[in-house]
Amino acid sequence: MTSMVKSNTDILSHFHEPTFFPNQREILLQIQAAFNNGKKYIILEAGTGTGKGIVMKTTSEWFGSAHILTAQKSLQVQYTTHPPK
């Protein structure tokens, strides 16, 4: 089975923050495992302050693209004004 991931690197190599928030590393590794096992879609539901935006940016950079859905205007602004590095 061919992976849909465009990058041959480890997802954590695309994490550009100095430290992880609690559970961020584990979330990213679970996302990587899901895609490597053939999953096509990821839905992440996590509480305020868990670093979902950083997880999204890291995953988007690792994967090569992403579609983000949010009903919150503040998150729309955050995601469009702070694109992945």
Protein backbone atom coordinates (compact mmCIF):
# COMPACT_ATOMS: atom_id res chain seq x y z
CA MET A 1 0.00 0.00 0.00
CA THR A 2 1.35 3.43 -0.95
CA SER A 3 1.18 6.12 1.69
CA MET A 4 -0.77 9.28 0.83
CA VAL A 5 1.78 11.31 2.79
CA LYS A 6 3.98 13.36 0.49
CA SER A 7 6.87 13.54 2.93
CA ASN A 8 9.13 10.58 3.70
CA THR A 9 10.17 12.18 6.97
CA ASP A 10 8.94 11.69 10.49
CA ILE A 11 6.06 14.03 11.38
CA LEU A 12 7.96 15.31 14.42
CA SER A 13 10.68 16.71 12.14
CA HIS A 14 8.07 19.25 10.95
CA PHE A 15 7.34 20.48 14.49
CA HIS A 16 9.00 23.92 14.73
CA GLU A 17 8.10 24.96 18.26
CA PRO A 18 10.67 24.87 21.11
CA THR A 19 8.59 22.50 23.26
CA PHE A 20 5.49 20.33 23.08
CA PHE A 21 2.27 21.10 24.95
CA PRO A 22 0.99 18.12 26.99
CA ASN A 23 -0.15 15.34 24.61
CA GLN A 24 0.91 17.13 21.39
CA ARG A 25 3.70 14.68 20.65
CA GLU A 26 1.38 11.71 21.17
CA ILE A 27 -1.35 13.30 19.01
CA LEU A 28 1.13 13.86 16.17
CA LEU A 29 2.44 10.31 16.39
CA GLN A 30 -1.14 8.96 16.33
CA ILE A 31 -1.87 11.06 13.23
CA GLN A 32 1.27 9.76 11.54
CA ALA A 33 0.36 6.17 12.39
CA ALA A 34 -3.19 6.62 11.09
CA PHE A 35 -2.02 7.96 7.72
CA ASN A 36 0.70 5.32 7.46
CA ASN A 37 -1.99 2.67 8.06
CA GLY A 38 -4.09 3.94 5.16
CA LYS A 39 -6.45 6.43 6.79
CA LYS A 40 -7.45 9.27 4.48
CA TYR A 41 -9.04 11.68 6.96
CA ILE A 42 -8.28 12.84 10.47
CA ILE A 43 -10.74 14.55 12.80
CA LEU A 44 -9.13 16.09 15.86
CA GLU A 45 -11.30 17.20 18.72
CA ALA A 46 -9.34 18.54 21.66
CA GLY A 47 -9.85 21.08 24.39
CA THR A 48 -8.87 24.72 24.53
CA GLY A 49 -5.15 25.21 25.00
CA THR A 50 -4.06 21.80 23.72
CA GLY A 51 -2.23 23.27 20.74
CA LYS A 52 -4.55 22.09 17.96
CA GLY A 53 -3.30 24.89 15.71
CA ILE A 54 0.31 23.77 16.03
CA VAL A 55 -0.74 20.15 15.43
CA MET A 56 -2.63 21.28 12.31
CA LYS A 57 0.33 23.26 10.99
CA THR A 58 2.75 20.41 11.64
CA THR A 59 0.47 17.86 9.99
CA SER A 60 -0.20 20.13 7.02
CA GLU A 61 3.51 20.66 6.42
CA TRP A 62 4.28 16.94 6.80
CA PHE A 63 1.41 15.88 4.56
CA GLY A 64 1.87 18.64 2.00
CA SER A 65 -1.61 20.16 2.33
CA ALA A 66 -4.70 20.18 4.51
CA HIS A 67 -8.30 21.33 4.73
CA ILE A 68 -9.21 22.84 8.06
CA LEU A 69 -12.80 23.29 9.20
CA THR A 70 -13.67 25.58 12.08
CA ALA A 71 -16.71 27.66 12.97
CA GLN A 72 -14.70 30.11 15.04
CA LYS A 73 -13.69 33.31 13.27
CA SER A 74 -10.71 33.74 15.60
CA LEU A 75 -9.32 30.36 14.52
CA GLN A 76 -9.92 31.17 10.84
CA VAL A 77 -7.81 34.30 11.27
CA GLN A 78 -5.13 32.40 13.23
CA TYR A 79 -4.84 29.67 10.60
CA THR A 80 -4.70 32.07 7.64
CA THR A 81 -2.31 34.62 9.15
CA HIS A 82 0.15 32.11 10.61
CA PRO A 83 0.73 29.56 7.84
CA PRO A 84 3.13 26.65 8.31
CA LYS A 85 6.81 27.60 8.20
